Amino acid sequence: MLRTPGGGAGHGTAAADSGLMSIGSVLNTLREEFPEVTISKIRFLESEGLIEPQRTPSGYRKFSIKDVERLGHVLRMQRDHYLPLKVIREHLDAMERGEAVRLPALGRQREGEAVPEVSDGSTASRIGRAELLAAAEVGERELEEWQSYGLITPLEGGVYDAEAVTVASLVIELGRFGIEPRHLRLMKAAADREAGLVDQVVAPLKRHRNPQTRAHAEDRTKELAGLTVKLHAALVQTALGVRLP
């Protein structure tokens, strides 16, 4: 459940008194559950008609608690069910009409059917090609281009790691700023080098005779991955001379 403040920092007393929130306040509220959300993402969802915030006379967006809750529903459906925006919009409209809505749970494929993913902590969820195309709302041509640059790689059996949905969303969002998939090869190469470094560190643990030590390798991999991601972000911010909220 999203916790929304009674009022956000805003432009104008009337907006604050009415409980409306600025886009920055909305971002801070959502990040507790969705740490990857950005202002660009919120604006994109608005442009797609998922939310309709009010505007002040000077053009600033003002979001109601209902807007924030709706955004939470959208982000949750993307994260947990890999649904395209068109389907999400239909679900939200049905909810507003008071209709019962049941969302699909995508997971690993078994005998040609999508079944809920039950994770044991060591196996990542998988999605099929059709689910990836639907979640990213792109066609075969775009996916083939991303694959040609190594940004997304199919696994054995033609399925994809669920993280491919996140990669696809970020590639699309960067494209809105004129950054094309071919420009992202440097990022992919850097990510591969960082992953190789982590693998090198945990390799002795993976080869150890003790099963508990081998099991510890996954926890160590996750820990190192988190640290390398934070370091990478900090280095990029330092190089650009900016500080992300």
Protein backbone atom coordinates (compact mmCIF):
# COMPACT_ATOMS: atom_id res chain seq x y z
CA MET A 1 0.00 0.00 0.00
CA LEU A 2 1.39 3.40 -0.97
CA ARG A 3 1.64 5.92 1.82
CA THR A 4 0.70 9.37 0.53
CA PRO A 5 1.15 12.52 2.55
CA GLY A 6 -1.74 14.81 3.21
CA GLY A 7 -0.11 17.48 1.06
CA GLY A 8 2.99 17.84 -1.09
CA ALA A 9 5.39 20.63 -1.76
CA GLY A 10 3.70 22.65 -4.39
CA HIS A 11 3.39 25.91 -6.24
CA GLY A 12 0.60 27.73 -4.49
CA THR A 13 -1.20 27.47 -1.16
CA ALA A 14 -4.46 26.33 -2.71
CA ALA A 15 -2.79 23.26 -4.20
CA ALA A 16 -1.17 22.34 -0.88
CA ASP A 17 -4.40 22.87 1.04
CA SER A 18 -6.29 20.64 -1.38
CA GLY A 19 -3.85 17.77 -0.79
CA LEU A 20 -2.43 17.84 -4.32
CA MET A 21 1.18 16.76 -4.78
CA SER A 22 4.01 17.92 -7.03
CA ILE A 23 5.65 15.40 -9.35
CA GLY A 24 8.70 15.38 -7.04
CA SER A 25 6.55 14.45 -4.05
CA VAL A 26 4.88 11.72 -6.10
CA LEU A 27 8.30 10.36 -7.08
CA ASN A 28 9.41 10.18 -3.44
CA THR A 29 6.19 8.43 -2.45
CA LEU A 30 6.42 5.82 -5.20
CA ARG A 31 10.13 5.09 -4.74
CA GLU A 32 9.50 3.35 -1.43
CA GLU A 33 7.94 0.47 -3.39
CA PHE A 34 9.35 1.21 -6.87
CA PRO A 35 12.97 2.40 -6.44
CA GLU A 36 13.57 2.44 -10.23
CA VAL A 37 10.74 4.87 -11.05
CA THR A 38 11.77 8.22 -12.55
CA ILE A 39 10.10 11.51 -13.35
CA SER A 40 10.47 10.65 -17.04
CA LYS A 41 8.56 7.42 -16.40
CA ILE A 42 5.72 9.28 -14.69
CA ARG A 43 5.52 11.78 -17.55
CA PHE A 44 5.56 8.92 -20.07
CA LEU A 45 2.63 7.19 -18.33
CA GLU A 46 0.78 10.50 -18.39
CA SER A 47 1.45 10.87 -22.13
CA GLU A 48 0.01 7.37 -22.61
CA GLY A 49 -3.21 8.38 -20.86
CA LEU A 50 -2.72 6.24 -17.75
CA ILE A 51 -3.10 9.27 -15.47
CA GLU A 52 -4.44 12.80 -15.91
CA PRO A 53 -2.95 15.11 -13.27
CA GLN A 54 -4.30 18.61 -12.83
CA ARG A 55 -2.34 21.63 -14.03
CA THR A 56 -1.78 24.92 -12.26
CA PRO A 57 -2.21 28.18 -14.23
CA SER A 58 1.57 28.21 -14.69
CA GLY A 59 1.57 24.67 -16.08
CA TYR A 60 2.86 22.64 -13.12
CA ARG A 61 1.46 19.12 -12.68
CA LYS A 62 -0.53 18.46 -9.50
CA PHE A 63 -1.40 14.90 -8.53
CA SER A 64 -4.23 13.76 -6.29
CA ILE A 65 -4.00 10.75 -3.97
CA LYS A 66 -6.14 8.88 -6.51
CA ASP A 67 -3.55 9.67 -9.22
CA VAL A 68 -0.75 8.30 -7.04
CA GLU A 69 -2.70 5.13 -6.24
CA ARG A 70 -3.42 4.66 -9.95
CA LEU A 71 0.29 5.06 -10.74
CA GLY A 72 1.05 2.43 -8.12
CA HIS A 73 -1.38 0.02 -9.79
CA VAL A 74 0.23 0.64 -13.20
CA LEU A 75 3.79 0.09 -11.95
CA ARG A 76 2.74 -3.00 -10.00
CA MET A 77 1.06 -4.57 -13.04
CA GLN A 78 4.15 -3.90 -15.16
CA ARG A 79 6.52 -5.30 -12.54
CA ASP A 80 4.53 -8.34 -11.40
CA HIS A 81 2.59 -9.31 -14.54
CA TYR A 82 4.58 -7.87 -17.49
CA LEU A 83 1.38 -6.44 -18.95
CA PRO A 84 1.41 -3.96 -21.87
CA LEU A 85 0.02 -0.50 -21.17
CA LYS A 86 -3.08 -1.13 -23.30
CA VAL A 87 -4.06 -4.11 -21.15
CA ILE A 88 -3.25 -2.21 -17.95
CA ARG A 89 -5.50 0.65 -19.05
CA GLU A 90 -8.35 -1.78 -19.69
CA HIS A 91 -7.88 -3.34 -16.24
CA LEU A 92 -7.88 0.06 -14.54
CA ASP A 93 -11.00 1.14 -16.40
CA ALA A 94 -12.72 -2.10 -15.35
CA MET A 95 -11.68 -1.51 -11.74
CA GLU A 96 -13.15 2.00 -11.83
CA ARG A 97 -16.41 0.52 -13.12
CA GLY A 98 -16.45 -1.77 -10.11
CA GLU A 99 -15.84 -4.94 -12.11
CA ALA A 100 -13.87 -7.86 -10.69
CA VAL A 101 -10.41 -7.99 -12.25
CA ARG A 102 -8.11 -10.99 -12.21
CA LEU A 103 -4.59 -10.50 -13.46
CA PRO A 104 -2.49 -13.23 -15.05
CA ALA A 105 0.70 -14.40 -13.34
CA LEU A 106 3.43 -15.12 -15.84
CA GLY A 107 6.28 -17.45 -15.00
CA ARG A 108 8.25 -20.35 -16.36
CA GLN A 109 6.71 -22.29 -19.17
CA ARG A 110 5.56 -25.83 -18.44
CA GLU A 111 3.99 -27.96 -21.14
CA GLY A 112 3.22 -24.88 -23.21
CA GLU A 113 1.28 -23.07 -20.49
CA ALA A 114 2.12 -20.04 -18.39
CA VAL A 115 2.19 -20.97 -14.73
CA PRO A 116 2.85 -18.89 -11.63
CA GLU A 117 6.53 -18.62 -10.86
CA VAL A 118 7.52 -20.18 -7.57
CA SER A 119 11.03 -19.01 -6.89
CA ASP A 120 13.41 -20.95 -4.69
CA GLY A 121 15.77 -17.99 -4.63
CA SER A 122 18.16 -19.55 -7.16
CA THR A 123 16.05 -19.71 -10.33
CA ALA A 124 15.05 -16.53 -12.18
CA SER A 125 11.60 -16.27 -13.72
CA ARG A 126 11.32 -16.66 -17.47
CA ILE A 127 8.98 -15.14 -20.02
CA GLY A 128 8.31 -16.13 -23.60
CA ARG A 129 9.03 -14.03 -26.67
CA ALA A 130 5.38 -13.05 -27.11
CA GLU A 131 5.15 -11.89 -23.48
CA LEU A 132 8.31 -9.81 -23.87
CA LEU A 133 7.03 -8.15 -27.04
CA ALA A 134 3.70 -7.42 -25.35
CA ALA A 135 5.28 -6.04 -22.17
CA ALA A 136 7.68 -3.80 -24.12
CA GLU A 137 5.01 -2.90 -26.68
CA VAL A 138 7.44 -3.34 -29.58
CA GLY A 139 7.57 -5.44 -32.69
CA GLU A 140 9.88 -8.17 -33.90
CA ARG A 141 12.10 -5.69 -35.75
CA GLU A 142 12.97 -3.73 -32.59
CA LEU A 143 13.63 -6.88 -30.59
CA GLU A 144 15.89 -8.27 -33.30
CA GLU A 145 17.85 -5.00 -33.34
CA TRP A 146 18.33 -5.09 -29.57
CA GLN A 147 19.49 -8.68 -29.79
CA SER A 148 21.95 -7.83 -32.57
CA TYR A 149 23.65 -5.39 -30.19
CA GLY A 150 23.58 -7.88 -27.30
CA LEU A 151 21.26 -5.74 -25.19
CA ILE A 152 18.78 -8.62 -24.85
CA THR A 153 19.78 -12.25 -25.24
CA PRO A 154 17.39 -15.20 -25.48
CA LEU A 155 18.03 -18.16 -23.22
CA GLU A 156 17.85 -21.83 -24.11
CA GLY A 157 14.45 -22.68 -25.53
CA GLY A 158 13.85 -19.17 -26.86
CA VAL A 159 12.67 -17.75 -23.52
CA TYR A 160 14.02 -14.65 -21.79
CA ASP A 161 14.99 -13.69 -18.29
CA ALA A 162 12.25 -11.50 -16.81
CA GLU A 163 14.83 -8.72 -16.39
CA ALA A 164 14.68 -8.35 -20.18
CA VAL A 165 11.44 -6.42 -19.64
CA THR A 166 13.32 -3.85 -17.58
CA VAL A 167 16.08 -3.62 -20.18
CA ALA A 168 13.53 -3.14 -22.95
CA SER A 169 11.73 -0.39 -21.03
CA LEU A 170 14.98 1.48 -20.40
CA VAL A 171 16.11 1.15 -24.03
CA ILE A 172 12.77 2.63 -25.13
CA GLU A 173 12.97 5.44 -22.60
CA LEU A 174 16.53 6.33 -23.63
CA GLY A 175 15.38 6.30 -27.24
CA ARG A 176 13.04 9.17 -26.44
CA PHE A 177 16.17 11.25 -25.83
CA GLY A 178 17.77 10.24 -29.12
CA ILE A 179 19.99 7.51 -27.66
CA GLU A 180 19.77 4.60 -30.09
CA PRO A 181 20.43 0.90 -29.35
CA ARG A 182 23.76 1.06 -31.20
CA HIS A 183 24.88 3.75 -28.76
CA LEU A 184 24.29 1.37 -25.86
CA ARG A 185 26.93 -1.15 -26.88
CA LEU A 186 29.45 0.58 -24.62
CA MET A 187 27.11 0.16 -21.64
CA LYS A 188 26.63 -3.51 -22.48
CA ALA A 189 30.38 -4.03 -22.76
CA ALA A 190 30.95 -2.31 -19.40
CA ALA A 191 28.23 -4.46 -17.80
CA ASP A 192 29.84 -7.61 -19.18
CA ARG A 193 33.22 -6.60 -17.76
CA GLU A 194 31.69 -5.89 -14.35
CA ALA A 195 29.87 -9.24 -14.41
CA GLY A 196 33.11 -10.97 -15.34
CA LEU A 197 34.86 -9.41 -12.37
CA VAL A 198 32.12 -10.61 -10.00
CA ASP A 199 32.26 -14.11 -11.51
CA GLN A 200 36.01 -14.18 -11.01
CA VAL A 201 35.60 -13.36 -7.31
CA VAL A 202 32.89 -15.95 -6.59
CA ALA A 203 34.27 -18.72 -8.83
CA PRO A 204 36.23 -20.39 -5.98
CA LEU A 205 33.05 -20.51 -3.88
CA LYS A 206 31.09 -22.12 -6.71
CA ARG A 207 33.73 -24.86 -7.11
CA HIS A 208 34.00 -25.61 -3.40
CA ARG A 209 33.23 -29.14 -2.20
CA ASN A 210 31.09 -27.94 0.69
CA PRO A 211 27.44 -27.52 -0.48
CA GLN A 212 26.87 -24.70 2.01
CA THR A 213 29.83 -22.81 0.62
CA ARG A 214 28.53 -23.27 -2.92
CA ALA A 215 25.12 -22.03 -1.81
CA HIS A 216 26.81 -18.99 -0.26
CA ALA A 217 28.18 -18.12 -3.69
CA GLU A 218 24.78 -16.87 -4.87
CA ASP A 219 24.40 -14.56 -1.87
CA ARG A 220 27.90 -13.23 -2.46
CA THR A 221 27.10 -12.70 -6.16
CA LYS A 222 24.00 -10.67 -5.29
CA GLU A 223 25.92 -8.61 -2.76
CA LEU A 224 28.72 -7.85 -5.22
CA ALA A 225 26.23 -7.08 -7.99
CA GLY A 226 24.51 -4.53 -5.77
CA LEU A 227 27.80 -2.88 -4.90
CA THR A 228 28.98 -2.69 -8.52
CA VAL A 229 25.66 -1.17 -9.62
CA LYS A 230 25.91 1.49 -6.88
CA LEU A 231 29.53 2.24 -7.78
CA HIS A 232 28.69 2.49 -11.49
CA ALA A 233 25.85 4.93 -10.75
CA ALA A 234 28.05 7.02 -8.47
CA LEU A 235 30.84 7.19 -11.06
CA VAL A 236 28.43 8.28 -13.81
CA GLN A 237 26.93 10.96 -11.58
CA THR A 238 30.40 12.21 -10.64
CA ALA A 239 31.50 12.31 -14.29
CA LEU A 240 28.39 14.29 -15.27
CA GLY A 241 28.51 16.52 -12.20
CA VAL A 242 24.92 15.74 -11.22
CA ARG A 243 23.20 14.17 -8.23
CA LEU A 244 20.13 12.06 -8.80
CA PRO A 245 17.23 12.41 -6.34
